[in-house]
Amino acid sequence: MNENVTMPAKEVVLEVRNLTKYFPIGNTMRLKHVHALNDASFVIHRGEIVALVGESGSGKSTTARLITRLIEPTRGEILLHGRDMLKHESSGASLAYRKAIQMIFQDPYGSLNPARTIGFHVERPIRIHKKEKHALESVHELLASVGLSPADEYAQKYPYQLSGGQRQRVAIARALAVEPEIILADEPISMLDVSIRMGVLNLIEQLKEERGIGFLYITHDLASARYIGDRTIVMYAGHMVEGAESTELMDQPAHPYTRLLLSAVPNPEAGLTTRVVQARGEIPSLIDPPPGCPFAPRCPKVMDICRQTMPDATKLSEDHWVRCHLFDLDQKEQ
């Protein structure tokens, strides 16, 4: 192979720029804001899985709900194939946008109507988006494609008759029914038994490879992020603090918070021992937070500047960046 040949760049399907969400609380006399998400920016290419990792309350699910237009952002841009959808569809998401961007929720049972059959759940988006009057054949094909066979039997069942893993496969089939370009998977395996989680992850990987669907995979589990994610972005208290190719980020974590997360993950090569990273304090309140890095109260390497200014993103390599003054100051000194 000629090393001078330039490989074609992957197509960017979805781009998010400086996406921010503040939720107002209190009354007009004492109005405050919960800073749920601050200046989130990232892209998802066709056939790529981006893992979004962080503790509860870090802003992962808020990010997904903003992208699906279930809630509207305080500011920022959401671009689909380069088109700013918030500007062109200011009154709400169009049917075409909802067709392109689908979501799989954390609780597969809660996202299904217990009074309706599995066939109804998968057929309904086909009728809404594709206007097909006779979609039974498509329903059977979709159920078979997610490993629910014989499909005609599963189509007649109700959600309570299926296991958690089977219900999540139904949710995936329902999302696939409209042939989306991007699927946002919000903790899709967290409520499933450990024994069946791998099957759902492998299904997501298969859909990426065979259909070229881009995924935003939201999780608090770094092991699954490493297994399935092409790239991983780490979130803390509403901020994106580090991002890189998944293998590089897990092997060479830069941000102290990323190191803290990884310290809780057992290392198979070291038996049951884990890396020890000290962290003090608690997660800060998101209600009108003070300036500076949100991890400063817990960071073992905190400096005065950390409590005063939020660091800019510093590039460590072509695909690895971090928001931390430890690296920001090093770069300025060079």
Protein backbone atom coordinates (compact mmCIF):
# COMPACT_ATOMS: atom_id res chain seq x y z
CA MET A 1 0.00 0.00 0.00
CA ASN A 2 1.27 3.46 -0.93
CA GLU A 3 1.84 5.36 2.34
CA ASN A 4 1.40 8.69 0.53
CA VAL A 5 -2.21 7.94 -0.39
CA THR A 6 -4.58 10.04 1.71
CA MET A 7 -7.47 8.07 3.15
CA PRO A 8 -10.89 9.72 2.70
CA ALA A 9 -12.18 11.45 5.82
CA LYS A 10 -15.22 9.97 7.51
CA GLU A 11 -18.46 11.82 6.92
CA VAL A 12 -19.58 13.97 9.85
CA VAL A 13 -23.28 13.30 10.39
CA LEU A 14 -23.90 15.14 13.66
CA GLU A 15 -21.97 18.03 15.18
CA VAL A 16 -22.66 19.74 18.48
CA ARG A 17 -21.13 23.13 19.21
CA ASN A 18 -21.05 24.81 22.64
CA LEU A 19 -24.29 23.15 23.69
CA THR A 20 -25.40 24.58 27.03
CA LYS A 21 -28.42 24.01 29.26
CA TYR A 22 -29.36 25.93 32.40
CA PHE A 23 -32.53 24.92 34.25
CA PRO A 24 -34.14 27.80 36.20
CA ILE A 25 -35.25 27.03 39.76
CA GLY A 26 -36.92 29.12 42.45
CA ASN A 27 -39.12 32.16 41.83
CA THR A 28 -38.58 35.52 40.18
CA MET A 29 -37.43 37.04 43.45
CA ARG A 30 -34.77 34.38 44.09
CA LEU A 31 -34.18 32.87 40.68
CA LYS A 32 -31.21 30.53 40.35
CA HIS A 33 -30.02 28.16 37.62
CA VAL A 34 -28.85 24.58 37.55
CA HIS A 35 -25.90 24.46 35.15
CA ALA A 36 -26.65 21.00 33.76
CA LEU A 37 -24.46 21.29 30.64
CA ASN A 38 -21.74 23.78 29.73
CA ASP A 39 -20.32 24.33 26.22
CA ALA A 40 -20.39 20.70 25.05
CA SER A 41 -18.83 20.23 21.61
CA PHE A 42 -18.21 17.01 19.67
CA VAL A 43 -18.92 15.24 16.38
CA ILE A 44 -20.26 11.82 15.42
CA HIS A 45 -19.16 10.35 12.08
CA ARG A 46 -21.06 7.85 10.03
CA GLY A 47 -20.50 4.36 11.42
CA GLU A 48 -18.83 5.60 14.61
CA ILE A 49 -19.60 4.95 18.27
CA VAL A 50 -18.80 7.81 20.63
CA ALA A 51 -18.96 6.83 24.30
CA LEU A 52 -20.00 9.53 26.78
CA VAL A 53 -18.78 8.57 30.25
CA GLY A 54 -19.32 10.08 33.69
CA GLU A 55 -21.01 9.75 37.06
CA SER A 56 -24.72 10.38 37.61
CA GLY A 57 -25.46 14.08 37.30
CA SER A 58 -22.55 14.78 34.97
CA GLY A 59 -24.83 15.90 32.11
CA LYS A 60 -24.77 12.80 29.89
CA SER A 61 -28.54 12.28 29.64
CA THR A 62 -29.15 16.03 29.34
CA THR A 63 -26.87 16.02 26.29
CA ALA A 64 -28.92 13.27 24.66
CA ARG A 65 -32.24 14.94 25.42
CA LEU A 66 -31.01 18.20 23.94
CA ILE A 67 -29.89 16.48 20.75
CA THR A 68 -33.24 14.71 20.37
CA ARG A 69 -35.01 18.06 21.00
CA LEU A 70 -36.94 16.67 23.96
CA ILE A 71 -35.71 19.80 25.73
CA GLU A 72 -34.38 22.99 24.20
CA PRO A 73 -30.87 24.32 24.92
CA THR A 74 -30.01 27.62 26.57
CA ARG A 75 -27.53 28.21 23.77
CA GLY A 76 -25.41 26.30 21.28
CA GLU A 77 -25.74 24.64 17.89
CA ILE A 78 -26.86 21.21 16.71
CA LEU A 79 -25.78 20.55 13.13
CA LEU A 80 -27.09 17.66 11.05
CA HIS A 81 -24.99 17.32 7.88
CA GLY A 82 -23.76 20.87 8.49
CA ARG A 83 -27.23 22.39 8.84
CA ASP A 84 -27.99 24.24 12.08
CA MET A 85 -31.23 22.55 13.13
CA LEU A 86 -31.96 24.91 16.02
CA LYS A 87 -31.95 27.84 13.60
CA HIS A 88 -33.87 26.16 10.76
CA GLU A 89 -36.37 24.39 13.03
CA SER A 90 -36.68 26.92 15.84
CA SER A 91 -40.25 25.96 16.76
CA GLY A 92 -39.39 22.28 17.31
CA ALA A 93 -37.90 19.27 15.61
CA SER A 94 -39.42 18.20 12.30
CA LEU A 95 -40.48 14.66 11.50
CA ALA A 96 -37.45 14.39 9.19
CA TYR A 97 -35.10 15.30 12.05
CA ARG A 98 -36.70 12.79 14.41
CA LYS A 99 -36.34 10.17 11.69
CA ALA A 100 -32.60 10.87 11.43
CA ILE A 101 -32.00 10.98 15.22
CA GLN A 102 -33.47 8.16 17.30
CA MET A 103 -33.04 7.30 20.99
CA ILE A 104 -32.90 4.13 23.08
CA PHE A 105 -33.79 4.74 26.70
CA GLN A 106 -32.29 3.19 29.81
CA ASP A 107 -35.39 1.33 30.98
CA PRO A 108 -36.67 -0.91 28.18
CA TYR A 109 -39.87 -1.75 30.07
CA GLY A 110 -40.66 1.87 30.89
CA SER A 111 -40.31 2.85 27.22
CA LEU A 112 -42.88 0.25 26.06
CA ASN A 113 -46.66 0.40 26.54
CA PRO A 114 -47.57 -2.76 28.51
CA ALA A 115 -51.02 -2.82 26.93
CA ARG A 116 -49.68 -3.03 23.37
CA THR A 117 -48.05 -5.92 21.53
CA ILE A 118 -44.43 -5.93 20.42
CA GLY A 119 -45.61 -5.77 16.82
CA PHE A 120 -47.53 -2.57 17.55
CA HIS A 121 -44.47 -0.88 19.05
CA VAL A 122 -42.28 -1.63 16.04
CA GLU A 123 -45.00 -0.92 13.46
CA ARG A 124 -46.05 2.46 14.83
CA PRO A 125 -42.95 4.45 13.77
CA ILE A 126 -43.16 2.84 10.32
CA ARG A 127 -46.73 4.12 9.94
CA ILE A 128 -45.82 7.59 11.23
CA HIS A 129 -42.63 8.13 9.25
CA LYS A 130 -42.97 5.93 6.19
CA LYS A 131 -46.77 6.00 5.83
CA GLU A 132 -46.85 2.27 5.10
CA LYS A 133 -50.33 0.82 5.50
CA HIS A 134 -49.19 -2.80 5.57
CA ALA A 135 -45.97 -2.93 7.58
CA LEU A 136 -46.23 -6.44 9.03
CA GLU A 137 -43.46 -7.81 6.81
CA SER A 138 -41.16 -4.94 7.81
CA VAL A 139 -41.93 -5.59 11.49
CA HIS A 140 -40.91 -9.24 11.16
CA GLU A 141 -37.70 -8.30 9.35
CA LEU A 142 -36.76 -5.80 12.04
CA LEU A 143 -37.42 -8.22 14.89
CA ALA A 144 -35.37 -10.90 13.16
CA SER A 145 -32.53 -8.40 12.55
CA VAL A 146 -32.16 -7.79 16.30
CA GLY A 147 -32.17 -11.49 17.12
CA LEU A 148 -35.83 -12.01 18.05
CA SER A 149 -36.87 -15.14 16.18
CA PRO A 150 -39.33 -16.52 15.29
CA ALA A 151 -40.34 -12.94 14.58
CA ASP A 152 -44.03 -13.66 14.03
CA GLU A 153 -44.32 -15.10 17.53
CA TYR A 154 -42.48 -12.23 19.19
CA ALA A 155 -44.68 -9.71 17.34
CA GLN A 156 -47.75 -11.12 19.10
CA LYS A 157 -46.25 -11.00 22.60
CA TYR A 158 -46.56 -8.25 25.20
CA PRO A 159 -43.62 -6.52 26.97
CA TYR A 160 -44.19 -8.40 30.25
CA GLN A 161 -43.69 -11.70 28.42
CA LEU A 162 -40.11 -10.77 27.43
CA SER A 163 -36.88 -10.62 29.39
CA GLY A 164 -35.06 -7.32 29.94
CA GLY A 165 -32.58 -8.07 27.18
CA GLN A 166 -35.36 -8.98 24.76
CA ARG A 167 -37.26 -5.79 25.58
CA GLN A 168 -34.13 -3.75 24.89
CA ARG A 169 -33.80 -5.50 21.53
CA VAL A 170 -37.40 -4.46 20.80
CA ALA A 171 -36.45 -0.86 21.64
CA ILE A 172 -33.54 -1.12 19.20
CA ALA A 173 -35.81 -2.59 16.51
CA ARG A 174 -38.24 0.28 17.03
CA ALA A 175 -35.42 2.81 16.60
CA LEU A 176 -34.24 1.03 13.44
CA ALA A 177 -37.73 1.08 11.94
CA VAL A 178 -37.26 4.58 10.51
CA GLU A 179 -33.70 3.93 9.25
CA PRO A 180 -31.95 6.55 11.41
CA GLU A 181 -28.46 7.92 10.84
CA ILE A 182 -27.73 8.47 14.54
CA ILE A 183 -28.93 6.52 17.59
CA LEU A 184 -28.50 7.90 21.09
CA ALA A 185 -28.27 4.97 23.52
CA ASP A 186 -28.76 6.19 27.09
CA GLU A 187 -27.36 3.55 29.48
CA PRO A 188 -28.85 0.77 27.30
CA ILE A 189 -27.39 -2.11 29.35
CA SER A 190 -27.39 -0.74 32.90
CA MET A 191 -30.71 -2.41 33.81
CA LEU A 192 -29.85 -5.74 32.22
CA ASP A 193 -28.32 -8.83 33.78
CA VAL A 194 -24.57 -9.06 33.32
CA SER A 195 -24.99 -12.30 31.36
CA ILE A 196 -26.99 -10.60 28.57
CA ARG A 197 -25.26 -7.23 28.38
CA MET A 198 -22.65 -8.46 25.91
CA GLY A 199 -25.34 -9.55 23.46
CA VAL A 200 -26.81 -6.03 23.33
CA LEU A 201 -23.35 -4.45 22.95
CA ASN A 202 -22.50 -6.82 20.11
CA LEU A 203 -25.79 -5.95 18.43
CA ILE A 204 -24.94 -2.23 18.57
CA GLU A 205 -21.50 -2.97 17.11
CA GLN A 206 -23.11 -5.04 14.35
CA LEU A 207 -25.52 -2.22 13.43
CA LYS A 208 -22.62 0.21 13.26
CA GLU A 209 -20.68 -2.03 10.89
CA GLU A 210 -23.53 -3.26 8.70
CA ARG A 211 -25.72 -0.15 8.48
CA GLY A 212 -23.24 2.65 9.07
CA ILE A 213 -25.26 4.06 11.96
CA GLY A 214 -23.49 6.47 14.29
CA PHE A 215 -24.05 5.99 18.01
CA LEU A 216 -23.75 8.17 21.09
CA TYR A 217 -23.30 5.52 23.76
CA ILE A 218 -23.99 6.98 27.21
CA THR A 219 -22.65 5.05 30.18
CA HIS A 220 -20.99 5.25 33.61
CA ASP A 221 -19.16 1.99 32.87
CA LEU A 222 -15.68 2.50 31.43
CA ALA A 223 -15.28 -1.20 30.66
CA SER A 224 -18.18 -1.17 28.19
CA ALA A 225 -17.03 2.20 26.81
CA ARG A 226 -13.63 0.73 26.04
CA TYR A 227 -15.19 -2.38 24.51
CA ILE A 228 -17.61 -0.64 22.17
CA GLY A 229 -16.53 3.00 21.78
CA ASP A 230 -14.35 4.22 18.94
CA ARG A 231 -13.87 7.43 20.90
CA THR A 232 -14.63 8.25 24.52
CA ILE A 233 -15.51 11.61 26.06
CA VAL A 234 -15.40 12.04 29.85
CA MET A 235 -17.89 14.36 31.57
CA TYR A 236 -17.84 15.85 35.05
CA ALA A 237 -20.40 18.22 36.63
CA GLY A 238 -21.77 19.37 33.28
CA HIS A 239 -18.38 19.81 31.58
CA MET A 240 -16.58 17.69 29.01
CA VAL A 241 -13.09 17.33 30.52
CA GLU A 242 -11.26 14.86 28.28
CA GLY A 243 -11.67 13.04 24.98
CA ALA A 244 -9.64 10.62 22.88
CA GLU A 245 -9.75 7.34 21.02
CA SER A 246 -11.04 4.89 23.60
CA THR A 247 -7.90 2.75 23.83
CA GLU A 248 -5.62 5.77 24.17
CA LEU A 249 -7.80 7.40 26.82
CA MET A 250 -7.96 4.24 28.92
CA ASP A 251 -4.24 3.55 28.58
CA GLN A 252 -3.04 7.15 28.95
CA PRO A 253 -5.62 9.10 30.98
CA ALA A 254 -4.64 12.75 31.44
CA HIS A 255 -7.33 14.45 33.53
CA PRO A 256 -7.24 13.67 37.27
CA TYR A 257 -10.96 12.83 37.12
CA THR A 258 -10.43 10.31 34.32
CA ARG A 259 -7.69 8.72 36.39
CA LEU A 260 -10.08 8.58 39.35
CA LEU A 261 -12.71 6.78 37.28
CA LEU A 262 -10.18 4.30 35.95
CA SER A 263 -8.80 3.63 39.41
CA ALA A 264 -12.08 1.95 40.28
CA VAL A 265 -11.85 -0.44 37.31
CA PRO A 266 -10.04 -3.73 38.14
CA ASN A 267 -6.95 -4.45 36.05
CA PRO A 268 -7.12 -8.08 34.80
CA GLU A 269 -3.32 -8.22 34.60
CA ALA A 270 -2.99 -7.26 38.27
CA GLY A 271 -5.54 -9.65 39.74
CA LEU A 272 -8.12 -7.91 41.93
CA THR A 273 -5.95 -4.88 42.73
CA THR A 274 -6.84 -1.44 41.38
CA ARG A 275 -4.89 1.71 40.75
CA VAL A 276 -5.09 4.05 43.75
CA VAL A 277 -6.00 7.68 43.04
CA GLN A 278 -6.88 9.87 45.99
CA ALA A 279 -9.79 12.29 45.73
CA ARG A 280 -11.18 14.49 48.45
CA GLY A 281 -14.39 16.44 48.85
CA GLU A 282 -17.69 15.91 47.08
CA ILE A 283 -19.19 16.68 43.70
CA PRO A 284 -19.95 20.44 43.66
CA SER A 285 -23.47 21.82 43.45
CA LEU A 286 -24.58 22.66 39.92
CA ILE A 287 -26.71 25.56 41.18
CA ASP A 288 -24.88 28.72 40.07
CA PRO A 289 -21.46 27.08 40.56
CA PRO A 290 -18.36 29.19 41.32
CA PRO A 291 -15.77 29.91 38.59
CA GLY A 292 -12.92 27.56 37.92
CA CYS A 293 -12.61 23.85 37.30
CA PRO A 294 -15.52 21.92 38.86
CA PHE A 295 -13.16 19.11 39.88
CA ALA A 296 -10.93 21.47 41.88
CA PRO A 297 -12.53 20.66 45.29
CA ARG A 298 -11.69 16.96 44.81
CA CYS A 299 -8.49 17.15 42.77
CA PRO A 300 -5.28 15.90 44.45
CA LYS A 301 -3.23 18.24 42.22
CA VAL A 302 -5.32 21.40 42.59
CA MET A 303 -3.63 24.80 42.13
CA ASP A 304 -4.87 28.32 42.89
CA ILE A 305 -5.68 28.95 39.23
CA CYS A 306 -7.92 25.87 39.19
CA ARG A 307 -10.35 27.62 41.58
CA GLN A 308 -10.40 30.78 39.50
CA THR A 309 -10.56 29.84 35.82
CA MET A 310 -11.96 26.96 33.78
CA PRO A 311 -9.06 25.69 31.63
CA ASP A 312 -9.25 25.65 27.86
CA ALA A 313 -8.97 22.41 25.91
CA THR A 314 -5.34 21.39 25.34
CA LYS A 315 -4.44 18.99 22.53
CA LEU A 316 -2.14 16.19 23.66
CA SER A 317 -2.17 14.41 20.30
CA GLU A 318 -4.18 14.50 17.10
CA ASP A 319 -7.25 12.91 18.70
CA HIS A 320 -6.58 13.45 22.42
CA TRP A 321 -7.54 16.63 24.30
CA VAL A 322 -7.97 17.56 27.95
CA ARG A 323 -9.29 20.53 29.94
CA CYS A 324 -6.84 20.77 32.84
CA HIS A 325 -4.46 23.53 34.00
CA LEU A 326 -1.70 20.96 34.51
CA PHE A 327 -1.44 20.69 30.73
CA ASP A 328 -2.70 24.16 29.87
CA LEU A 329 0.15 25.80 31.80
CA ASP A 330 2.75 23.40 30.37
CA GLN A 331 1.70 24.36 26.86
CA LYS A 332 1.89 28.10 27.62
CA GLU A 333 5.38 27.74 29.07
CA GLN A 334 6.69 26.08 25.91
